[in-house]
Amino acid sequence: MATIWFVKEGEIQVGPPIAQRSVDWCVKNLGLQASNWMPGPKQTHLVIGQKSPLGALREYRFVVVEIDDDDVDAGVKGWKMGYYLLEIAPRDARRIINTVP
């Protein structure tokens, strides 16, 4: 299962995920695309935008899907292991996650 995170600007991803869904579900409902791939944490730290002292006060700005080695081992073809930065807003993603089975 792919892991879905909401991330604030300048934040290194920590904490619990928002949801776990299949890669196919993420493609169909959240617009996940192979071109959204970002290097994984073994290659670089996952920081989006600039770190700010106000970061903790800001709302989530990004939706990130993590595809890990379990997904690849389970036969998910055409996807690299790592993080994918989606183009959907967290507010819209939360609505979809909460309403689409």
PDB file of N, CA and C in Angstrom:
ATOM      1  N   MET A   1       0.835  -1.180   0.000  1.00  0.00           N
ATOM      2  CA  MET A   1       0.000   0.000   0.000  1.00  0.00           C
ATOM      3  C   MET A   1       0.885   1.251   0.000  1.00  0.00           C
ATOM      4  N   ALA A   2       0.511   2.199  -0.810  1.00  0.00           N
ATOM      5  CA  ALA A   2       1.223   3.479  -0.845  1.00  0.00           C
ATOM      6  C   ALA A   2       0.816   4.294   0.383  1.00  0.00           C
ATOM      7  N   THR A   3       1.759   5.048   0.914  1.00  0.00           N
ATOM      8  CA  THR A   3       1.514   5.866   2.098  1.00  0.00           C
ATOM      9  C   THR A   3       1.344   7.317   1.675  1.00  0.00           C
ATOM     10  N   ILE A   4       0.302   7.957   2.193  1.00  0.00           N
ATOM     11  CA  ILE A   4      -0.017   9.344   1.836  1.00  0.00           C
ATOM     12  C   ILE A   4       0.291  10.241   3.025  1.00  0.00           C
ATOM     13  N   TRP A   5       1.068  11.296   2.771  1.00  0.00           N
ATOM     14  CA  TRP A   5       1.466  12.258   3.794  1.00  0.00           C
ATOM     15  C   TRP A   5       1.005  13.651   3.382  1.00  0.00           C
ATOM     16  N   PHE A   6       0.707  14.491   4.339  1.00  0.00           N
ATOM     17  CA  PHE A   6       0.537  15.926   4.111  1.00  0.00           C
ATOM     18  C   PHE A   6       1.757  16.603   4.710  1.00  0.00           C
ATOM     19  N   VAL A   7       2.330  17.558   3.967  1.00  0.00           N
ATOM     20  CA  VAL A   7       3.591  18.177   4.357  1.00  0.00           C
ATOM     21  C   VAL A   7       3.459  19.692   4.330  1.00  0.00           C
ATOM     22  N   LYS A   8       4.073  20.341   5.312  1.00  0.00           N
ATOM     23  CA  LYS A   8       4.144  21.804   5.337  1.00  0.00           C
ATOM     24  C   LYS A   8       5.415  22.240   4.614  1.00  0.00           C
ATOM     25  N   GLU A   9       5.449  23.466   4.161  1.00  0.00           N
ATOM     26  CA  GLU A   9       6.633  23.975   3.468  1.00  0.00           C
ATOM     27  C   GLU A   9       7.830  23.984   4.414  1.00  0.00           C
ATOM     28  N   GLY A  10       8.966  23.512   3.893  1.00  0.00           N
ATOM     29  CA  GLY A  10      10.194  23.508   4.667  1.00  0.00           C
ATOM     30  C   GLY A  10      10.286  22.383   5.677  1.00  0.00           C
ATOM     31  N   GLU A  11       9.365  21.445   5.634  1.00  0.00           N
ATOM     32  CA  GLU A  11       9.307  20.382   6.635  1.00  0.00           C
ATOM     33  C   GLU A  11       9.927  19.099   6.101  1.00  0.00           C
ATOM     34  N   ILE A  12      10.710  18.449   6.936  1.00  0.00           N
ATOM     35  CA  ILE A  12      11.163  17.104   6.636  1.00  0.00           C
ATOM     36  C   ILE A  12      10.058  16.191   7.132  1.00  0.00           C
ATOM     37  N   GLN A  13       9.618  15.264   6.301  1.00  0.00           N
ATOM     38  CA  GLN A  13       8.454  14.457   6.644  1.00  0.00           C
ATOM     39  C   GLN A  13       8.699  13.604   7.880  1.00  0.00           C
ATOM     40  N   VAL A  14       7.899  13.829   8.899  1.00  0.00           N
ATOM     41  CA  VAL A  14       7.903  13.021  10.119  1.00  0.00           C
ATOM     42  C   VAL A  14       6.455  12.854  10.551  1.00  0.00           C
ATOM     43  N   GLY A  15       6.231  11.939  11.464  1.00  0.00           N
ATOM     44  CA  GLY A  15       4.889  11.775  11.992  1.00  0.00           C
ATOM     45  C   GLY A  15       4.087  10.740  11.233  1.00  0.00           C
ATOM     46  N   PRO A  16       2.872  10.517  11.711  1.00  0.00           N
ATOM     47  CA  PRO A  16       2.045   9.461  11.117  1.00  0.00           C
ATOM     48  C   PRO A  16       1.516   9.864   9.745  1.00  0.00           C
ATOM     49  N   PRO A  17       1.312   8.884   8.864  1.00  0.00           N
ATOM     50  CA  PRO A  17       0.733   9.178   7.554  1.00  0.00           C
ATOM     51  C   PRO A  17      -0.751   9.515   7.681  1.00  0.00           C
ATOM     52  N   ILE A  18      -1.295  10.155   6.657  1.00  0.00           N
ATOM     53  CA  ILE A  18      -2.715  10.479   6.615  1.00  0.00           C
ATOM     54  C   ILE A  18      -3.519   9.230   6.257  1.00  0.00           C
ATOM     55  N   ALA A  19      -3.002   8.415   5.335  1.00  0.00           N
ATOM     56  CA  ALA A  19      -3.724   7.219   4.891  1.00  0.00           C
ATOM     57  C   ALA A  19      -2.781   6.297   4.147  1.00  0.00           C
ATOM     58  N   GLN A  20      -3.259   5.082   3.914  1.00  0.00           N
ATOM     59  CA  GLN A  20      -2.576   4.139   3.039  1.00  0.00           C
ATOM     60  C   GLN A  20      -3.606   3.625   2.045  1.00  0.00           C
ATOM     61  N   ARG A  21      -3.256   3.701   0.774  1.00  0.00           N
ATOM     62  CA  ARG A  21      -4.127   3.247  -0.305  1.00  0.00           C
ATOM     63  C   ARG A  21      -3.259   2.560  -1.357  1.00  0.00           C
ATOM     64  N   SER A  22      -3.892   1.819  -2.239  1.00  0.00           N
ATOM     65  CA  SER A  22      -3.131   1.176  -3.316  1.00  0.00           C
ATOM     66  C   SER A  22      -2.599   2.241  -4.271  1.00  0.00           C
ATOM     67  N   VAL A  23      -1.551   1.883  -4.997  1.00  0.00           N
ATOM     68  CA  VAL A  23      -0.993   2.806  -5.982  1.00  0.00           C
ATOM     69  C   VAL A  23      -2.054   3.116  -7.041  1.00  0.00           C
ATOM     70  N   ASP A  24      -2.795   2.106  -7.474  1.00  0.00           N
ATOM     71  CA  ASP A  24      -3.854   2.331  -8.466  1.00  0.00           C
ATOM     72  C   ASP A  24      -4.901   3.328  -7.952  1.00  0.00           C
ATOM     73  N   TRP A  25      -5.263   3.222  -6.674  1.00  0.00           N
ATOM     74  CA  TRP A  25      -6.236   4.150  -6.075  1.00  0.00           C
ATOM     75  C   TRP A  25      -5.678   5.574  -6.121  1.00  0.00           C
ATOM     76  N   CYS A  26      -4.403   5.731  -5.795  1.00  0.00           N
ATOM     77  CA  CYS A  26      -3.771   7.060  -5.801  1.00  0.00           C
ATOM     78  C   CYS A  26      -3.735   7.650  -7.206  1.00  0.00           C
ATOM     79  N   VAL A  27      -3.486   6.804  -8.208  1.00  0.00           N
ATOM     80  CA  VAL A  27      -3.486   7.274  -9.596  1.00  0.00           C
ATOM     81  C   VAL A  27      -4.878   7.749  -9.977  1.00  0.00           C
ATOM     82  N   LYS A  28      -5.872   6.931  -9.717  1.00  0.00           N
ATOM     83  CA  LYS A  28      -7.243   7.229 -10.123  1.00  0.00           C
ATOM     84  C   LYS A  28      -7.843   8.416  -9.376  1.00  0.00           C
ATOM     85  N   ASN A  29      -7.604   8.520  -8.079  1.00  0.00           N
ATOM     86  CA  ASN A  29      -8.303   9.503  -7.252  1.00  0.00           C
ATOM     87  C   ASN A  29      -7.497  10.739  -6.873  1.00  0.00           C
ATOM     88  N   LEU A  30      -6.177  10.603  -6.796  1.00  0.00           N
ATOM     89  CA  LEU A  30      -5.350  11.745  -6.386  1.00  0.00           C
ATOM     90  C   LEU A  30      -4.485  12.296  -7.515  1.00  0.00           C
ATOM     91  N   GLY A  31      -4.487  11.622  -8.659  1.00  0.00           N
ATOM     92  CA  GLY A  31      -3.714  12.112  -9.798  1.00  0.00           C
ATOM     93  C   GLY A  31      -2.239  11.768  -9.743  1.00  0.00           C
ATOM     94  N   LEU A  32      -1.867  10.720  -8.999  1.00  0.00           N
ATOM     95  CA  LEU A  32      -0.470  10.282  -8.937  1.00  0.00           C
ATOM     96  C   LEU A  32       0.031   9.960 -10.340  1.00  0.00           C
ATOM     97  N   GLN A  33       1.224  10.495 -10.666  1.00  0.00           N
ATOM     98  CA  GLN A  33       1.862  10.249 -11.964  1.00  0.00           C
ATOM     99  C   GLN A  33       3.322   9.894 -11.736  1.00  0.00           C
ATOM    100  N   ALA A  34       3.877   9.073 -12.605  1.00  0.00           N
ATOM    101  CA  ALA A  34       5.288   8.699 -12.489  1.00  0.00           C
ATOM    102  C   ALA A  34       6.191   9.928 -12.530  1.00  0.00           C
ATOM    103  N   SER A  35       5.771  10.967 -13.234  1.00  0.00           N
ATOM    104  CA  SER A  35       6.581  12.189 -13.345  1.00  0.00           C
ATOM    105  C   SER A  35       6.614  12.995 -12.044  1.00  0.00           C
ATOM    106  N   ASN A  36       5.811  12.628 -11.049  1.00  0.00           N
ATOM    107  CA  ASN A  36       5.806  13.311  -9.751  1.00  0.00           C
ATOM    108  C   ASN A  36       6.936  12.831  -8.839  1.00  0.00           C
ATOM    109  N   TRP A  37       7.752  11.878  -9.291  1.00  0.00           N
ATOM    110  CA  TRP A  37       8.775  11.252  -8.446  1.00  0.00           C
ATOM    111  C   TRP A  37       9.822  12.247  -7.970  1.00  0.00           C
ATOM    112  N   MET A  38      10.213  12.100  -6.701  1.00  0.00           N
ATOM    113  CA  MET A  38      11.299  12.878  -6.089  1.00  0.00           C
ATOM    114  C   MET A  38      12.318  11.885  -5.526  1.00  0.00           C
ATOM    115  N   PRO A  39      13.569  12.291  -5.380  1.00  0.00           N
ATOM    116  CA  PRO A  39      14.552  11.376  -4.785  1.00  0.00           C
ATOM    117  C   PRO A  39      14.136  10.960  -3.375  1.00  0.00           C
ATOM    118  N   GLY A  40      14.451   9.721  -3.016  1.00  0.00           N
ATOM    119  CA  GLY A  40      14.124   9.210  -1.689  1.00  0.00           C
ATOM    120  C   GLY A  40      15.064   9.740  -0.629  1.00  0.00           C
ATOM    121  N   PRO A  41      14.740   9.500   0.646  1.00  0.00           N
ATOM    122  CA  PRO A  41      15.534  10.055   1.745  1.00  0.00           C
ATOM    123  C   PRO A  41      16.954   9.514   1.809  1.00  0.00           C
ATOM    124  N   LYS A  42      17.244   8.366   1.183  1.00  0.00           N
ATOM    125  CA  LYS A  42      18.613   7.861   1.183  1.00  0.00           C
ATOM    126  C   LYS A  42      19.484   8.692   0.251  1.00  0.00           C
ATOM    127  N   GLN A  43      18.856   9.395  -0.695  1.00  0.00           N
ATOM    128  CA  GLN A  43      19.609  10.204  -1.645  1.00  0.00           C
ATOM    129  C   GLN A  43      19.702  11.658  -1.184  1.00  0.00           C
ATOM    130  N   THR A  44      18.664  12.143  -0.545  1.00  0.00           N
ATOM    131  CA  THR A  44      18.632  13.523  -0.064  1.00  0.00           C
ATOM    132  C   THR A  44      17.512  13.627   0.956  1.00  0.00           C
ATOM    133  N   HIS A  45      17.504  14.675   1.744  1.00  0.00           N
ATOM    134  CA  HIS A  45      16.408  14.886   2.683  1.00  0.00           C
ATOM    135  C   HIS A  45      15.194  15.388   1.921  1.00  0.00           C
ATOM    136  N   LEU A  46      14.016  14.944   2.338  1.00  0.00           N
ATOM    137  CA  LEU A  46      12.782  15.394   1.707  1.00  0.00           C
ATOM    138  C   LEU A  46      12.338  16.684   2.386  1.00  0.00           C
ATOM    139  N   VAL A  47      12.755  17.805   1.822  1.00  0.00           N
ATOM    140  CA  VAL A  47      12.349  19.124   2.296  1.00  0.00           C
ATOM    141  C   VAL A  47      11.780  19.850   1.098  1.00  0.00           C
ATOM    142  N   ILE A  48      10.580  20.386   1.248  1.00  0.00           N
ATOM    143  CA  ILE A  48       9.916  21.059   0.143  1.00  0.00           C
ATOM    144  C   ILE A  48       9.815  22.538   0.475  1.00  0.00           C
ATOM    145  N   GLY A  49      10.327  23.390  -0.387  1.00  0.00           N
ATOM    146  CA  GLY A  49      10.289  24.824  -0.124  1.00  0.00           C
ATOM    147  C   GLY A  49      11.368  25.218   0.867  1.00  0.00           C
ATOM    148  N   GLN A  50      11.167  26.355   1.520  1.00  0.00           N
ATOM    149  CA  GLN A  50      12.157  26.870   2.461  1.00  0.00           C
ATOM    150  C   GLN A  50      11.663  26.738   3.890  1.00  0.00           C
ATOM    151  N   LYS A  51      12.592  26.407   4.776  1.00  0.00           N
ATOM    152  CA  LYS A  51      12.265  26.294   6.183  1.00  0.00           C
ATOM    153  C   LYS A  51      12.033  27.697   6.743  1.00  0.00           C
ATOM    154  N   SER A  52      11.051  27.812   7.632  1.00  0.00           N
ATOM    155  CA  SER A  52      10.683  29.102   8.193  1.00  0.00           C
ATOM    156  C   SER A  52      10.328  28.928   9.658  1.00  0.00           C
ATOM    157  N   PRO A  53      10.615  29.933  10.495  1.00  0.00           N
ATOM    158  CA  PRO A  53      10.208  29.847  11.899  1.00  0.00           C
ATOM    159  C   PRO A  53       8.685  29.768  12.042  1.00  0.00           C
ATOM    160  N   LEU A  54       7.962  30.217  11.034  1.00  0.00           N
ATOM    161  CA  LEU A  54       6.499  30.164  11.075  1.00  0.00           C
ATOM    162  C   LEU A  54       5.958  28.842  10.545  1.00  0.00           C
ATOM    163  N   GLY A  55       6.839  27.950  10.155  1.00  0.00           N
ATOM    164  CA  GLY A  55       6.422  26.696   9.543  1.00  0.00           C
ATOM    165  C   GLY A  55       5.426  25.909  10.372  1.00  0.00           C
ATOM    166  N   ALA A  56       5.608  25.868  11.679  1.00  0.00           N
ATOM    167  CA  ALA A  56       4.706  25.103  12.536  1.00  0.00           C
ATOM    168  C   ALA A  56       3.299  25.695  12.549  1.00  0.00           C
ATOM    169  N   LEU A  57       3.183  26.975  12.245  1.00  0.00           N
ATOM    170  CA  LEU A  57       1.881  27.643  12.258  1.00  0.00           C
ATOM    171  C   LEU A  57       1.159  27.559  10.923  1.00  0.00           C
ATOM    172  N   ARG A  58       1.875  27.209   9.896  1.00  0.00           N
ATOM    173  CA  ARG A  58       1.286  27.162   8.562  1.00  0.00           C
ATOM    174  C   ARG A  58       0.441  25.909   8.370  1.00  0.00           C
ATOM    175  N   GLU A  59      -0.461  25.975   7.402  1.00  0.00           N
ATOM    176  CA  GLU A  59      -1.265  24.815   7.030  1.00  0.00           C
ATOM    177  C   GLU A  59      -0.436  23.899   6.144  1.00  0.00           C
ATOM    178  N   TYR A  60      -0.913  22.667   6.010  1.00  0.00           N
ATOM    179  CA  TYR A  60      -0.257  21.753   5.078  1.00  0.00           C
ATOM    180  C   TYR A  60      -0.384  22.318   3.671  1.00  0.00           C
ATOM    181  N   ARG A  61       0.701  22.198   2.886  1.00  0.00           N
ATOM    182  CA  ARG A  61       0.705  22.743   1.532  1.00  0.00           C
ATOM    183  C   ARG A  61       0.862  21.691   0.460  1.00  0.00           C
ATOM    184  N   PHE A  62       1.362  20.522   0.817  1.00  0.00           N
ATOM    185  CA  PHE A  62       1.708  19.528  -0.187  1.00  0.00           C
ATOM    186  C   PHE A  62       1.164  18.153   0.187  1.00  0.00           C
ATOM    187  N   VAL A  63       0.912  17.359  -0.845  1.00  0.00           N
ATOM    188  CA  VAL A  63       0.525  15.964  -0.667  1.00  0.00           C
ATOM    189  C   VAL A  63       1.646  15.114  -1.271  1.00  0.00           C
ATOM    190  N   VAL A  64       2.154  14.193  -0.474  1.00  0.00           N
ATOM    191  CA  VAL A  64       3.246  13.330  -0.897  1.00  0.00           C
ATOM    192  C   VAL A  64       2.793  11.877  -0.754  1.00  0.00           C
ATOM    193  N   VAL A  65       3.062  11.083  -1.774  1.00  0.00           N
ATOM    194  CA  VAL A  65       2.787   9.651  -1.725  1.00  0.00           C
ATOM    195  C   VAL A  65       4.128   8.930  -1.710  1.00  0.00           C
ATOM    196  N   GLU A  66       4.271   7.989  -0.782  1.00  0.00           N
ATOM    197  CA  GLU A  66       5.483   7.184  -0.701  1.00  0.00           C
ATOM    198  C   GLU A  66       5.195   5.784  -1.232  1.00  0.00           C
ATOM    199  N   ILE A  67       6.002   5.367  -2.187  1.00  0.00           N
ATOM    200  CA  ILE A  67       5.956   3.994  -2.686  1.00  0.00           C
ATOM    201  C   ILE A  67       7.220   3.325  -2.174  1.00  0.00           C
ATOM    202  N   ASP A  68       7.034   2.274  -1.368  1.00  0.00           N
ATOM    203  CA  ASP A  68       8.206   1.635  -0.772  1.00  0.00           C
ATOM    204  C   ASP A  68       8.508   0.295  -1.421  1.00  0.00           C
ATOM    205  N   ASP A  69       9.528  -0.385  -0.898  1.00  0.00           N
ATOM    206  CA  ASP A  69       9.954  -1.643  -1.511  1.00  0.00           C
ATOM    207  C   ASP A  69       8.872  -2.717  -1.432  1.00  0.00           C
ATOM    208  N   ASP A  70       7.979  -2.656  -0.442  1.00  0.00           N
ATOM    209  CA  ASP A  70       6.878  -3.624  -0.371  1.00  0.00           C
ATOM    210  C   ASP A  70       5.945  -3.482  -1.574  1.00  0.00           C
ATOM    211  N   ASP A  71       5.685  -2.238  -1.994  1.00  0.00           N
ATOM    212  CA  ASP A  71       4.841  -2.006  -3.165  1.00  0.00           C
ATOM    213  C   ASP A  71       5.509  -2.552  -4.425  1.00  0.00           C
ATOM    214  N   VAL A  72       6.792  -2.274  -4.566  1.00  0.00           N
ATOM    215  CA  VAL A  72       7.533  -2.734  -5.741  1.00  0.00           C
ATOM    216  C   VAL A  72       7.608  -4.259  -5.732  1.00  0.00           C
ATOM    217  N   ASP A  73       7.873  -4.865  -4.557  1.00  0.00           N
ATOM    218  CA  ASP A  73       7.935  -6.326  -4.440  1.00  0.00           C
ATOM    219  C   ASP A  73       6.584  -6.976  -4.726  1.00  0.00           C
ATOM    220  N   ALA A  74       5.491  -6.247  -4.445  1.00  0.00           N
ATOM    221  CA  ALA A  74       4.145  -6.788  -4.659  1.00  0.00           C
ATOM    222  C   ALA A  74       3.728  -6.716  -6.129  1.00  0.00           C
ATOM    223  N   GLY A  75       4.600  -6.208  -6.973  1.00  0.00           N
ATOM    224  CA  GLY A  75       4.321  -6.227  -8.401  1.00  0.00           C
ATOM    225  C   GLY A  75       3.807  -4.924  -8.980  1.00  0.00           C
ATOM    226  N   VAL A  76       3.954  -3.811  -8.252  1.00  0.00           N
ATOM    227  CA  VAL A  76       3.559  -2.516  -8.805  1.00  0.00           C
ATOM    228  C   VAL A  76       4.581  -2.165  -9.877  1.00  0.00           C
ATOM    229  N   LYS A  77       4.152  -2.188 -11.124  1.00  0.00           N
ATOM    230  CA  LYS A  77       5.082  -2.010 -12.242  1.00  0.00           C
ATOM    231  C   LYS A  77       5.105  -0.571 -12.733  1.00  0.00           C
ATOM    232  N   GLY A  78       6.283  -0.130 -13.157  1.00  0.00           N
ATOM    233  CA  GLY A  78       6.427   1.192 -13.737  1.00  0.00           C
ATOM    234  C   GLY A  78       6.620   2.306 -12.718  1.00  0.00           C
ATOM    235  N   TRP A  79       6.805   1.951 -11.448  1.00  0.00           N
ATOM    236  CA  TRP A  79       6.968   2.961 -10.401  1.00  0.00           C
ATOM    237  C   TRP A  79       8.304   2.771  -9.713  1.00  0.00           C
ATOM    238  N   LYS A  80       8.981   3.884  -9.435  1.00  0.00           N
ATOM    239  CA  LYS A  80      10.222   3.850  -8.669  1.00  0.00           C
ATOM    240  C   LYS A  80       9.877   3.921  -7.185  1.00  0.00           C
ATOM    241  N   MET A  81      10.707   3.310  -6.387  1.00  0.00           N
ATOM    242  CA  MET A  81      10.565   3.436  -4.957  1.00  0.00           C
ATOM    243  C   MET A  81      10.944   4.868  -4.561  1.00  0.00           C
ATOM    244  N   GLY A  82      10.183   5.490  -3.685  1.00  0.00           N
ATOM    245  CA  GLY A  82      10.500   6.828  -3.229  1.00  0.00           C
ATOM    246  C   GLY A  82       9.259   7.673  -3.034  1.00  0.00           C
ATOM    247  N   TYR A  83       9.443   8.976  -3.083  1.00  0.00           N
ATOM    248  CA  TYR A  83       8.379   9.941  -2.813  1.00  0.00           C
ATOM    249  C   TYR A  83       7.895  10.605  -4.096  1.00  0.00           C
ATOM    250  N   TYR A  84       6.593  10.867  -4.144  1.00  0.00           N
ATOM    251  CA  TYR A  84       5.952  11.502  -5.283  1.00  0.00           C
ATOM    252  C   TYR A  84       5.190  12.717  -4.775  1.00  0.00           C
ATOM    253  N   LEU A  85       5.546  13.898  -5.278  1.00  0.00           N
ATOM    254  CA  LEU A  85       4.889  15.150  -4.899  1.00  0.00           C
ATOM    255  C   LEU A  85       3.697  15.365  -5.831  1.00  0.00           C
ATOM    256  N   LEU A  86       2.494  15.325  -5.266  1.00  0.00           N
ATOM    257  CA  LEU A  86       1.287  15.433  -6.078  1.00  0.00           C
ATOM    258  C   LEU A  86       0.905  16.887  -6.325  1.00  0.00           C
ATOM    259  N   GLU A  87       0.072  17.095  -7.321  1.00  0.00           N
ATOM    260  CA  GLU A  87      -0.364  18.438  -7.686  1.00  0.00           C
ATOM    261  C   GLU A  87      -1.683  18.823  -7.024  1.00  0.00           C
ATOM    262  N   ILE A  88      -2.278  17.924  -6.257  1.00  0.00           N
ATOM    263  CA  ILE A  88      -3.547  18.178  -5.597  1.00  0.00           C
ATOM    264  C   ILE A  88      -3.310  18.882  -4.250  1.00  0.00           C
ATOM    265  N   ALA A  89      -4.230  19.745  -3.855  1.00  0.00           N
ATOM    266  CA  ALA A  89      -4.138  20.443  -2.571  1.00  0.00           C
ATOM    267  C   ALA A  89      -4.513  19.492  -1.435  1.00  0.00           C
ATOM    268  N   PRO A  90      -3.880  19.627  -0.269  1.00  0.00           N
ATOM    269  CA  PRO A  90      -4.220  18.763   0.860  1.00  0.00           C
ATOM    270  C   PRO A  90      -5.703  18.768   1.216  1.00  0.00           C
ATOM    271  N   ARG A  91      -6.343  19.918   1.148  1.00  0.00           N
ATOM    272  CA  ARG A  91      -7.775  20.009   1.469  1.00  0.00           C
ATOM    273  C   ARG A  91      -8.595  19.105   0.542  1.00  0.00           C
ATOM    274  N   ASP A  92      -8.295  19.148  -0.751  1.00  0.00           N
ATOM    275  CA  ASP A  92      -9.006  18.313  -1.719  1.00  0.00           C
ATOM    276  C   ASP A  92      -8.668  16.839  -1.526  1.00  0.00           C
ATOM    277  N   ALA A  93      -7.392  16.554  -1.255  1.00  0.00           N
ATOM    278  CA  ALA A  93      -6.979  15.170  -1.034  1.00  0.00           C
ATOM    279  C   ALA A  93      -7.666  14.586   0.198  1.00  0.00           C
ATOM    280  N   ARG A  94      -7.771  15.368   1.272  1.00  0.00           N
ATOM    281  CA  ARG A  94      -8.427  14.885   2.489  1.00  0.00           C
ATOM    282  C   ARG A  94      -9.894  14.538   2.206  1.00  0.00           C
ATOM    283  N   ARG A  95     -10.578  15.386   1.444  1.00  0.00           N
ATOM    284  CA  ARG A  95     -11.972  15.121   1.105  1.00  0.00           C
ATOM    285  C   ARG A  95     -12.106  13.816   0.330  1.00  0.00           C
ATOM    286  N   ILE A  96     -11.222  13.606  -0.624  1.00  0.00           N
ATOM    287  CA  ILE A  96     -11.258  12.371  -1.430  1.00  0.00           C
ATOM    288  C   ILE A  96     -10.939  11.166  -0.572  1.00  0.00           C
ATOM    289  N   ILE A  97      -9.901  11.261   0.248  1.00  0.00           N
ATOM    290  CA  ILE A  97      -9.512  10.146   1.113  1.00  0.00           C
ATOM    291  C   ILE A  97     -10.650   9.755   2.051  1.00  0.00           C
ATOM    292  N   ASN A  98     -11.369  10.755   2.552  1.00  0.00           N
ATOM    293  CA  ASN A  98     -12.448  10.492   3.505  1.00  0.00           C
ATOM    294  C   ASN A  98     -13.745  10.009   2.845  1.00  0.00           C
ATOM    295  N   THR A  99     -13.905  10.199   1.540  1.00  0.00           N
ATOM    296  CA  THR A  99     -15.180   9.857   0.909  1.00  0.00           C
ATOM    297  C   THR A  99     -15.112   8.762  -0.147  1.00  0.00           C
ATOM    298  N   VAL A 100     -13.960   8.534  -0.749  1.00  0.00           N
ATOM    299  CA  VAL A 100     -13.856   7.535  -1.817  1.00  0.00           C
ATOM    300  C   VAL A 100     -13.240   6.262  -1.250  1.00  0.00           C
ATOM    301  N   PRO A 101     -13.977   5.142  -1.323  1.00  0.00           N
ATOM    302  CA  PRO A 101     -13.437   3.884  -0.770  1.00  0.00           C
ATOM    303  C   PRO A 101     -12.271   3.346  -1.585  1.00  0.00           C
TER     304      PRO A 101
END
